[in-house]
Amino acid sequence: MANVGIFVGSSGGVTLGAAEKLQELFEGSELINMEEDYDGLEQFDDFDILLIGSSTWGQGDPQRDWVDVLYEMQNDEPDLSGKKVAFFGAGDQKTHGEHFVSALAKMEDVFKKCGAKTGFGYWPTENYNYKFSLAEKEGKFCGLAIDDINQGDFTENRVISWAEQLKKEMGIEDD
């Protein structure tokens, strides 16, 4: 089975909650909280598949624990070729609908620049009500969009469905 690393930056706990559910759904996966468990870029080397989680802040920016990491990635360009990467994260489509989950797109751009294979886990934009998102690409979000503030009743089912989608797209076998 593929070695799955779930890297998450979360300030309010919503994205972390999704990461914990993903850890349950991807047996044998490892959860790395960016604030507490992240040691450096070489940590990405330990995994075949990276599930990257971040809430969106400000003008569509990634959560604060990702800022230095992404800056370092842009400058050092670690070799992530061969890594399959998917993105997930929380946003607020009503209060911050002008940048809803835009951090996912910013992160995807950085990981892609480092050679990672992205494009997994693209999620439908239907049933969301937002003004704009950098994460919307060809009619889908470039990862799982979570809005626990306005659509909390959907979160668990969305995470479960997304995990099933990823397993098919990435060729991950359930044990």
N, C-alpha and C. Protein backbone atom coordinates (compact mmCIF):
# COMPACT_ATOMS: atom_id res chain seq x y z
N MET A 1 0.84 -1.18 0.00
CA MET A 1 0.00 0.00 0.00
C MET A 1 0.88 1.24 0.00
N ALA A 2 0.39 2.28 -0.63
CA ALA A 2 1.13 3.55 -0.71
C ALA A 2 1.28 4.16 0.68
N ASN A 3 2.38 4.84 0.86
CA ASN A 3 2.68 5.52 2.11
C ASN A 3 2.09 6.93 2.04
N VAL A 4 1.09 7.24 2.89
CA VAL A 4 0.35 8.49 2.83
C VAL A 4 0.72 9.39 4.01
N GLY A 5 1.13 10.61 3.69
CA GLY A 5 1.39 11.63 4.70
C GLY A 5 0.36 12.73 4.59
N ILE A 6 -0.28 13.05 5.71
CA ILE A 6 -1.29 14.10 5.75
C ILE A 6 -0.68 15.28 6.51
N PHE A 7 -0.36 16.34 5.78
CA PHE A 7 0.26 17.53 6.35
C PHE A 7 -0.81 18.60 6.49
N VAL A 8 -1.00 19.13 7.69
CA VAL A 8 -2.11 20.06 7.90
C VAL A 8 -1.71 21.27 8.74
N GLY A 9 -2.14 22.44 8.26
CA GLY A 9 -2.05 23.68 9.02
C GLY A 9 -3.46 24.13 9.31
N SER A 10 -3.78 24.32 10.60
CA SER A 10 -5.15 24.63 10.98
C SER A 10 -5.14 25.57 12.17
N SER A 11 -5.87 26.66 12.06
CA SER A 11 -5.96 27.62 13.18
C SER A 11 -7.23 27.42 13.99
N GLY A 12 -8.35 27.17 13.32
CA GLY A 12 -9.62 27.03 14.02
C GLY A 12 -10.01 25.60 14.31
N GLY A 13 -9.27 24.64 13.76
CA GLY A 13 -9.53 23.24 14.04
C GLY A 13 -10.35 22.50 12.99
N VAL A 14 -10.97 23.22 12.06
CA VAL A 14 -11.80 22.57 11.04
C VAL A 14 -10.95 21.73 10.10
N THR A 15 -9.88 22.31 9.58
CA THR A 15 -9.02 21.57 8.66
C THR A 15 -8.33 20.42 9.38
N LEU A 16 -7.96 20.63 10.63
CA LEU A 16 -7.36 19.55 11.43
C LEU A 16 -8.36 18.42 11.63
N GLY A 17 -9.62 18.76 11.89
CA GLY A 17 -10.65 17.73 12.04
C GLY A 17 -10.80 16.90 10.77
N ALA A 18 -10.76 17.57 9.62
CA ALA A 18 -10.82 16.85 8.35
C ALA A 18 -9.60 15.94 8.19
N ALA A 19 -8.43 16.44 8.58
CA ALA A 19 -7.20 15.64 8.49
C ALA A 19 -7.28 14.41 9.38
N GLU A 20 -7.83 14.56 10.57
CA GLU A 20 -7.97 13.42 11.48
C GLU A 20 -8.92 12.37 10.90
N LYS A 21 -9.99 12.83 10.25
CA LYS A 21 -10.92 11.89 9.60
C LYS A 21 -10.21 11.19 8.43
N LEU A 22 -9.43 11.94 7.66
CA LEU A 22 -8.67 11.34 6.56
C LEU A 22 -7.69 10.29 7.08
N GLN A 23 -7.08 10.56 8.22
CA GLN A 23 -6.15 9.59 8.80
C GLN A 23 -6.88 8.28 9.12
N GLU A 24 -8.11 8.37 9.59
CA GLU A 24 -8.90 7.16 9.85
C GLU A 24 -9.19 6.42 8.55
N LEU A 25 -9.48 7.17 7.49
CA LEU A 25 -9.90 6.59 6.22
C LEU A 25 -8.75 6.04 5.38
N PHE A 26 -7.54 6.55 5.62
CA PHE A 26 -6.34 6.05 4.93
C PHE A 26 -5.51 5.28 5.96
N GLU A 27 -5.81 4.01 6.04
CA GLU A 27 -5.18 3.15 7.04
C GLU A 27 -3.65 3.20 6.92
N GLY A 28 -2.97 3.39 8.03
CA GLY A 28 -1.52 3.43 8.05
C GLY A 28 -0.93 4.77 7.68
N SER A 29 -1.79 5.76 7.43
CA SER A 29 -1.28 7.10 7.09
C SER A 29 -0.73 7.79 8.33
N GLU A 30 0.07 8.81 8.09
CA GLU A 30 0.66 9.58 9.19
C GLU A 30 0.18 11.02 9.10
N LEU A 31 -0.27 11.56 10.23
CA LEU A 31 -0.74 12.94 10.31
C LEU A 31 0.37 13.82 10.86
N ILE A 32 0.72 14.85 10.11
CA ILE A 32 1.75 15.80 10.52
C ILE A 32 1.09 17.17 10.70
N ASN A 33 0.96 17.60 11.94
CA ASN A 33 0.45 18.93 12.24
C ASN A 33 1.60 19.90 12.00
N MET A 34 1.42 20.84 11.10
CA MET A 34 2.52 21.73 10.71
C MET A 34 3.06 22.54 11.88
N GLU A 35 2.23 22.84 12.85
CA GLU A 35 2.68 23.62 14.00
C GLU A 35 3.51 22.78 14.97
N GLU A 36 3.16 21.51 15.13
CA GLU A 36 3.77 20.70 16.18
C GLU A 36 4.73 19.62 15.68
N ASP A 37 4.46 19.06 14.50
CA ASP A 37 5.18 17.87 14.07
C ASP A 37 6.10 18.06 12.87
N TYR A 38 6.00 19.21 12.21
CA TYR A 38 6.78 19.43 11.00
C TYR A 38 8.23 19.75 11.33
N ASP A 39 9.17 19.04 10.66
CA ASP A 39 10.59 19.21 10.94
C ASP A 39 11.38 19.81 9.78
N GLY A 40 10.86 19.76 8.56
CA GLY A 40 11.60 20.30 7.42
C GLY A 40 11.13 19.65 6.13
N LEU A 41 11.56 20.23 5.01
CA LEU A 41 11.13 19.76 3.70
C LEU A 41 11.43 18.29 3.45
N GLU A 42 12.50 17.79 4.05
CA GLU A 42 12.87 16.39 3.85
C GLU A 42 11.79 15.43 4.38
N GLN A 43 10.88 15.93 5.21
CA GLN A 43 9.80 15.10 5.72
C GLN A 43 8.87 14.63 4.59
N PHE A 44 8.76 15.42 3.54
CA PHE A 44 7.94 15.01 2.40
C PHE A 44 8.50 13.76 1.73
N ASP A 45 9.81 13.54 1.84
CA ASP A 45 10.47 12.40 1.20
C ASP A 45 9.97 11.06 1.75
N ASP A 46 9.42 11.06 2.96
CA ASP A 46 9.00 9.82 3.61
C ASP A 46 7.71 9.23 3.03
N PHE A 47 7.06 9.96 2.11
CA PHE A 47 5.74 9.55 1.64
C PHE A 47 5.64 9.53 0.12
N ASP A 48 4.81 8.59 -0.38
CA ASP A 48 4.51 8.50 -1.81
C ASP A 48 3.37 9.45 -2.17
N ILE A 49 2.44 9.60 -1.22
CA ILE A 49 1.25 10.43 -1.41
C ILE A 49 1.20 11.47 -0.30
N LEU A 50 0.95 12.71 -0.71
CA LEU A 50 0.84 13.81 0.24
C LEU A 50 -0.56 14.39 0.15
N LEU A 51 -1.26 14.43 1.28
CA LEU A 51 -2.54 15.12 1.38
C LEU A 51 -2.24 16.39 2.16
N ILE A 52 -2.43 17.53 1.50
CA ILE A 52 -2.00 18.82 2.03
C ILE A 52 -3.22 19.64 2.43
N GLY A 53 -3.31 19.96 3.72
CA GLY A 53 -4.46 20.68 4.23
C GLY A 53 -4.11 22.05 4.77
N SER A 54 -4.93 23.03 4.40
CA SER A 54 -4.75 24.40 4.89
C SER A 54 -6.07 25.15 4.81
N SER A 55 -6.35 25.89 5.86
CA SER A 55 -7.46 26.83 5.78
C SER A 55 -7.00 28.04 4.98
N THR A 56 -7.95 28.87 4.55
CA THR A 56 -7.65 30.07 3.77
C THR A 56 -7.85 31.30 4.64
N TRP A 57 -6.89 32.23 4.56
CA TRP A 57 -6.91 33.43 5.39
C TRP A 57 -6.66 34.67 4.53
N GLY A 58 -7.06 35.82 5.04
CA GLY A 58 -6.76 37.10 4.39
C GLY A 58 -7.21 37.13 2.95
N GLN A 59 -6.30 37.46 2.08
CA GLN A 59 -6.57 37.58 0.64
C GLN A 59 -6.37 36.24 -0.07
N GLY A 60 -6.88 35.17 0.53
CA GLY A 60 -6.75 33.85 -0.08
C GLY A 60 -5.45 33.16 0.24
N ASP A 61 -4.85 33.51 1.37
CA ASP A 61 -3.54 32.97 1.74
C ASP A 61 -3.65 31.68 2.55
N PRO A 62 -2.62 30.83 2.46
CA PRO A 62 -2.58 29.62 3.28
C PRO A 62 -2.45 29.95 4.77
N GLN A 63 -2.83 29.00 5.57
CA GLN A 63 -2.74 29.13 7.02
C GLN A 63 -1.29 29.42 7.43
N ARG A 64 -1.11 30.16 8.51
CA ARG A 64 0.20 30.71 8.90
C ARG A 64 1.31 29.67 9.05
N ASP A 65 0.98 28.45 9.44
CA ASP A 65 2.03 27.43 9.61
C ASP A 65 2.62 26.97 8.28
N TRP A 66 1.97 27.31 7.17
CA TRP A 66 2.46 26.96 5.84
C TRP A 66 3.31 28.06 5.20
N VAL A 67 3.23 29.28 5.71
CA VAL A 67 3.86 30.43 5.04
C VAL A 67 5.36 30.23 4.84
N ASP A 68 6.09 29.94 5.89
CA ASP A 68 7.55 29.75 5.77
C ASP A 68 7.90 28.53 4.94
N VAL A 69 7.11 27.47 5.08
CA VAL A 69 7.36 26.23 4.34
C VAL A 69 7.22 26.49 2.83
N LEU A 70 6.15 27.17 2.44
CA LEU A 70 5.94 27.46 1.02
C LEU A 70 7.01 28.40 0.48
N TYR A 71 7.42 29.36 1.29
CA TYR A 71 8.49 30.27 0.89
C TYR A 71 9.78 29.48 0.63
N GLU A 72 10.09 28.57 1.55
CA GLU A 72 11.29 27.74 1.40
C GLU A 72 11.18 26.86 0.16
N MET A 73 10.00 26.31 -0.08
CA MET A 73 9.80 25.47 -1.26
C MET A 73 10.00 26.26 -2.54
N GLN A 74 9.51 27.49 -2.57
CA GLN A 74 9.66 28.31 -3.77
C GLN A 74 11.13 28.65 -4.03
N ASN A 75 11.90 28.80 -2.98
CA ASN A 75 13.31 29.16 -3.14
C ASN A 75 14.22 27.95 -3.35
N ASP A 76 13.99 26.88 -2.60
CA ASP A 76 14.85 25.71 -2.67
C ASP A 76 14.40 24.68 -3.70
N GLU A 77 13.13 24.74 -4.09
CA GLU A 77 12.54 23.81 -5.03
C GLU A 77 12.96 22.36 -4.78
N PRO A 78 12.49 21.79 -3.67
CA PRO A 78 12.81 20.38 -3.40
C PRO A 78 12.24 19.50 -4.52
N ASP A 79 12.86 18.37 -4.76
CA ASP A 79 12.42 17.47 -5.82
C ASP A 79 11.27 16.60 -5.30
N LEU A 80 10.07 16.94 -5.71
CA LEU A 80 8.89 16.18 -5.30
C LEU A 80 8.35 15.33 -6.45
N SER A 81 9.18 15.13 -7.48
CA SER A 81 8.72 14.32 -8.61
C SER A 81 8.43 12.90 -8.11
N GLY A 82 7.38 12.34 -8.65
CA GLY A 82 6.95 11.01 -8.21
C GLY A 82 5.93 11.05 -7.08
N LYS A 83 5.77 12.20 -6.44
CA LYS A 83 4.80 12.34 -5.36
C LYS A 83 3.43 12.66 -5.94
N LYS A 84 2.42 11.96 -5.48
CA LYS A 84 1.04 12.29 -5.82
C LYS A 84 0.52 13.18 -4.70
N VAL A 85 -0.06 14.33 -5.08
CA VAL A 85 -0.47 15.31 -4.07
C VAL A 85 -1.91 15.76 -4.32
N ALA A 86 -2.67 15.84 -3.22
CA ALA A 86 -4.03 16.38 -3.27
C ALA A 86 -4.19 17.38 -2.12
N PHE A 87 -5.12 18.31 -2.29
CA PHE A 87 -5.27 19.42 -1.35
C PHE A 87 -6.68 19.47 -0.77
N PHE A 88 -6.77 19.92 0.48
CA PHE A 88 -8.05 20.10 1.14
C PHE A 88 -7.94 21.26 2.11
N GLY A 89 -9.06 21.88 2.41
CA GLY A 89 -8.99 22.98 3.36
C GLY A 89 -10.32 23.67 3.58
N ALA A 90 -10.34 24.43 4.66
CA ALA A 90 -11.54 25.13 5.09
C ALA A 90 -11.54 26.58 4.64
N GLY A 91 -12.74 27.08 4.42
CA GLY A 91 -12.97 28.48 4.12
C GLY A 91 -14.38 28.85 4.54
N ASP A 92 -14.72 30.11 4.36
CA ASP A 92 -16.05 30.62 4.69
C ASP A 92 -16.60 31.28 3.44
N GLN A 93 -17.50 30.58 2.76
CA GLN A 93 -17.98 31.05 1.46
C GLN A 93 -18.89 32.27 1.54
N LYS A 94 -19.44 32.57 2.71
CA LYS A 94 -20.31 33.75 2.82
C LYS A 94 -19.53 34.98 3.27
N THR A 95 -18.84 34.89 4.40
CA THR A 95 -18.10 36.04 4.92
C THR A 95 -16.88 36.36 4.08
N HIS A 96 -16.22 35.33 3.54
CA HIS A 96 -15.00 35.51 2.75
C HIS A 96 -15.16 34.86 1.37
N GLY A 97 -16.31 35.06 0.78
CA GLY A 97 -16.62 34.44 -0.51
C GLY A 97 -15.81 34.96 -1.68
N GLU A 98 -15.11 36.08 -1.49
CA GLU A 98 -14.30 36.62 -2.58
C GLU A 98 -12.95 35.92 -2.71
N HIS A 99 -12.60 35.08 -1.72
CA HIS A 99 -11.34 34.32 -1.76
C HIS A 99 -11.54 32.89 -1.27
N PHE A 100 -12.74 32.36 -1.43
CA PHE A 100 -13.08 31.06 -0.85
C PHE A 100 -12.06 29.98 -1.25
N VAL A 101 -11.47 29.36 -0.29
CA VAL A 101 -10.45 28.29 -0.39
C VAL A 101 -9.37 28.55 -1.44
N SER A 102 -9.07 29.81 -1.69
CA SER A 102 -8.04 30.16 -2.68
C SER A 102 -6.66 29.64 -2.30
N ALA A 103 -6.42 29.42 -1.01
CA ALA A 103 -5.12 28.90 -0.57
C ALA A 103 -4.79 27.57 -1.25
N LEU A 104 -5.81 26.78 -1.55
CA LEU A 104 -5.56 25.48 -2.20
C LEU A 104 -4.84 25.66 -3.53
N ALA A 105 -5.26 26.65 -4.31
CA ALA A 105 -4.63 26.90 -5.60
C ALA A 105 -3.21 27.41 -5.44
N LYS A 106 -3.00 28.30 -4.48
CA LYS A 106 -1.65 28.83 -4.25
C LYS A 106 -0.70 27.70 -3.86
N MET A 107 -1.19 26.79 -3.03
CA MET A 107 -0.36 25.67 -2.61
C MET A 107 -0.11 24.70 -3.75
N GLU A 108 -1.14 24.43 -4.54
CA GLU A 108 -0.98 23.53 -5.68
C GLU A 108 0.09 24.06 -6.62
N ASP A 109 0.09 25.36 -6.87
CA ASP A 109 1.09 25.96 -7.76
C ASP A 109 2.51 25.71 -7.26
N VAL A 110 2.73 25.84 -5.96
CA VAL A 110 4.06 25.65 -5.39
C VAL A 110 4.48 24.18 -5.49
N PHE A 111 3.59 23.27 -5.11
CA PHE A 111 3.92 21.85 -5.16
C PHE A 111 4.17 21.39 -6.60
N LYS A 112 3.37 21.89 -7.53
CA LYS A 112 3.55 21.54 -8.94
C LYS A 112 4.91 22.04 -9.44
N LYS A 113 5.30 23.26 -9.04
CA LYS A 113 6.59 23.82 -9.43
C LYS A 113 7.74 22.94 -8.94
N CYS A 114 7.53 22.24 -7.84
CA CYS A 114 8.57 21.37 -7.28
C CYS A 114 8.51 19.95 -7.86
N GLY A 115 7.67 19.76 -8.88
CA GLY A 115 7.64 18.49 -9.59
C GLY A 115 6.60 17.49 -9.13
N ALA A 116 5.79 17.84 -8.13
CA ALA A 116 4.77 16.93 -7.65
C ALA A 116 3.68 16.74 -8.71
N LYS A 117 3.09 15.57 -8.72
CA LYS A 117 1.98 15.29 -9.62
C LYS A 117 0.70 15.70 -8.90
N THR A 118 0.05 16.75 -9.41
CA THR A 118 -1.19 17.24 -8.81
C THR A 118 -2.35 16.91 -9.74
N GLY A 119 -3.52 17.43 -9.44
CA GLY A 119 -4.69 17.16 -10.26
C GLY A 119 -5.58 16.08 -9.68
N PHE A 120 -5.21 15.55 -8.53
CA PHE A 120 -6.01 14.54 -7.85
C PHE A 120 -7.00 15.24 -6.91
N GLY A 121 -8.17 14.65 -6.75
CA GLY A 121 -9.12 15.14 -5.76
C GLY A 121 -9.82 16.42 -6.13
N TYR A 122 -9.86 16.76 -7.40
CA TYR A 122 -10.62 17.95 -7.81
C TYR A 122 -12.08 17.72 -7.43
N TRP A 123 -12.70 18.76 -6.87
CA TRP A 123 -14.00 18.63 -6.22
C TRP A 123 -15.03 19.55 -6.87
N PRO A 124 -16.26 19.07 -7.09
CA PRO A 124 -17.29 19.89 -7.73
C PRO A 124 -17.60 21.18 -6.96
N THR A 125 -17.89 22.25 -7.70
CA THR A 125 -18.24 23.53 -7.08
C THR A 125 -19.75 23.64 -6.81
N GLU A 126 -20.52 22.68 -7.31
CA GLU A 126 -21.96 22.70 -7.06
C GLU A 126 -22.23 22.65 -5.56
N ASN A 127 -23.32 23.28 -5.15
CA ASN A 127 -23.77 23.33 -3.75
C ASN A 127 -22.89 24.23 -2.88
N TYR A 128 -22.08 25.07 -3.49
CA TYR A 128 -21.34 26.11 -2.78
C TYR A 128 -21.84 27.45 -3.32
N ASN A 129 -21.78 28.49 -2.49
CA ASN A 129 -22.23 29.82 -2.91
C ASN A 129 -21.16 30.83 -2.50
N TYR A 130 -20.27 31.16 -3.43
CA TYR A 130 -19.14 32.06 -3.17
C TYR A 130 -19.00 32.99 -4.37
N LYS A 131 -18.25 34.07 -4.18
CA LYS A 131 -18.06 35.04 -5.27
C LYS A 131 -16.93 34.65 -6.21
N PHE A 132 -15.79 34.25 -5.64
CA PHE A 132 -14.61 33.96 -6.43
C PHE A 132 -13.70 33.02 -5.66
N SER A 133 -12.95 32.20 -6.38
CA SER A 133 -11.95 31.34 -5.77
C SER A 133 -10.86 31.04 -6.79
N LEU A 134 -9.61 31.30 -6.40
CA LEU A 134 -8.48 30.89 -7.23
C LEU A 134 -8.46 29.37 -7.39
N ALA A 135 -9.06 28.68 -6.43
CA ALA A 135 -9.07 27.22 -6.43
C ALA A 135 -10.00 26.63 -7.49
N GLU A 136 -10.86 27.46 -8.08
CA GLU A 136 -11.74 26.95 -9.12
C GLU A 136 -10.98 26.88 -10.43
N LYS A 137 -10.87 25.66 -10.92
CA LYS A 137 -10.17 25.40 -12.17
C LYS A 137 -11.03 24.49 -13.03
N GLU A 138 -11.40 24.97 -14.19
CA GLU A 138 -12.22 24.20 -15.12
C GLU A 138 -13.51 23.69 -14.47
N GLY A 139 -14.14 24.55 -13.65
CA GLY A 139 -15.42 24.22 -13.06
C GLY A 139 -15.38 23.38 -11.80
N LYS A 140 -14.18 23.10 -11.29
CA LYS A 140 -14.04 22.33 -10.05
C LYS A 140 -13.02 23.03 -9.16
N PHE A 141 -13.11 22.75 -7.86
CA PHE A 141 -12.06 23.20 -6.95
C PHE A 141 -10.86 22.27 -7.12
N CYS A 142 -9.66 22.79 -6.96
CA CYS A 142 -8.45 21.96 -7.11
C CYS A 142 -8.18 21.16 -5.83
N GLY A 143 -9.21 20.86 -5.09
CA GLY A 143 -9.13 20.07 -3.87
C GLY A 143 -10.46 20.13 -3.15
N LEU A 144 -10.51 19.50 -2.01
CA LEU A 144 -11.74 19.45 -1.23
C LEU A 144 -11.96 20.77 -0.49
N ALA A 145 -13.09 21.41 -0.77
CA ALA A 145 -13.47 22.66 -0.10
C ALA A 145 -14.42 22.35 1.05
N ILE A 146 -14.03 22.80 2.24
CA ILE A 146 -14.83 22.57 3.44
C ILE A 146 -15.29 23.93 3.97
N ASP A 147 -16.56 24.01 4.31
CA ASP A 147 -17.10 25.22 4.95
C ASP A 147 -17.93 24.79 6.14
N ASP A 148 -17.27 24.60 7.26
CA ASP A 148 -17.93 24.15 8.48
C ASP A 148 -18.82 25.23 9.09
N ILE A 149 -18.57 26.48 8.76
CA ILE A 149 -19.36 27.58 9.31
C ILE A 149 -20.76 27.60 8.69
N ASN A 150 -20.83 27.48 7.38
CA ASN A 150 -22.10 27.59 6.68
C ASN A 150 -22.70 26.25 6.25
N GLN A 151 -21.86 25.23 6.15
CA GLN A 151 -22.33 23.92 5.67
C GLN A 151 -21.73 22.78 6.49
N GLY A 152 -21.68 22.96 7.79
CA GLY A 152 -21.08 21.96 8.68
C GLY A 152 -21.71 20.58 8.57
N ASP A 153 -22.99 20.53 8.23
CA ASP A 153 -23.67 19.23 8.10
C ASP A 153 -23.13 18.40 6.95
N PHE A 154 -22.45 19.04 6.00
CA PHE A 154 -21.92 18.34 4.83
C PHE A 154 -20.48 17.86 5.01
N THR A 155 -19.78 18.39 6.01
CA THR A 155 -18.33 18.18 6.11
C THR A 155 -17.93 16.72 6.16
N GLU A 156 -18.50 15.95 7.07
CA GLU A 156 -18.06 14.56 7.21
C GLU A 156 -18.30 13.76 5.93
N ASN A 157 -19.47 13.91 5.33
CA ASN A 157 -19.74 13.17 4.09
C ASN A 157 -18.84 13.62 2.95
N ARG A 158 -18.53 14.91 2.90
CA ARG A 158 -17.62 15.39 1.86
C ARG A 158 -16.23 14.77 2.04
N VAL A 159 -15.75 14.72 3.28
CA VAL A 159 -14.42 14.14 3.53
C VAL A 159 -14.41 12.66 3.16
N ILE A 160 -15.44 11.95 3.54
CA ILE A 160 -15.52 10.51 3.23
C ILE A 160 -15.57 10.30 1.71
N SER A 161 -16.41 11.06 1.03
CA SER A 161 -16.52 10.92 -0.44
C SER A 161 -15.22 11.28 -1.13
N TRP A 162 -14.55 12.33 -0.63
CA TRP A 162 -13.28 12.75 -1.21
C TRP A 162 -12.22 11.66 -1.04
N ALA A 163 -12.19 11.05 0.13
CA ALA A 163 -11.22 9.97 0.37
C ALA A 163 -11.45 8.81 -0.59
N GLU A 164 -12.71 8.45 -0.82
CA GLU A 164 -13.03 7.38 -1.77
C GLU A 164 -12.60 7.76 -3.18
N GLN A 165 -12.84 9.02 -3.54
CA GLN A 165 -12.43 9.52 -4.86
C GLN A 165 -10.91 9.43 -5.01
N LEU A 166 -10.18 9.88 -3.99
CA LEU A 166 -8.71 9.83 -4.05
C LEU A 166 -8.19 8.41 -4.19
N LYS A 167 -8.76 7.50 -3.44
CA LYS A 167 -8.31 6.11 -3.50
C LYS A 167 -8.43 5.57 -4.91
N LYS A 168 -9.52 5.91 -5.60
CA LYS A 168 -9.69 5.47 -6.99
C LYS A 168 -8.70 6.18 -7.91
N GLU A 169 -8.62 7.50 -7.79
CA GLU A 169 -7.75 8.27 -8.69
C GLU A 169 -6.27 7.94 -8.51
N MET A 170 -5.88 7.66 -7.28
CA MET A 170 -4.46 7.41 -6.99
C MET A 170 -4.11 5.93 -6.98
N GLY A 171 -5.09 5.07 -7.17
CA GLY A 171 -4.84 3.63 -7.19
C GLY A 171 -4.44 3.08 -5.84
N ILE A 172 -5.08 3.59 -4.79
CA ILE A 172 -4.77 3.11 -3.43
C ILE A 172 -5.73 1.98 -3.08
N GLU A 173 -5.17 0.89 -2.67
CA GLU A 173 -5.96 -0.30 -2.29
C GLU A 173 -6.30 -0.23 -0.81
N ASP A 174 -7.53 -0.61 -0.48
CA ASP A 174 -7.90 -0.78 0.93
C ASP A 174 -7.42 -2.14 1.38
N ASP A 175 -6.86 -2.18 2.57
CA ASP A 175 -6.42 -3.47 3.12
C ASP A 175 -7.58 -4.20 3.77
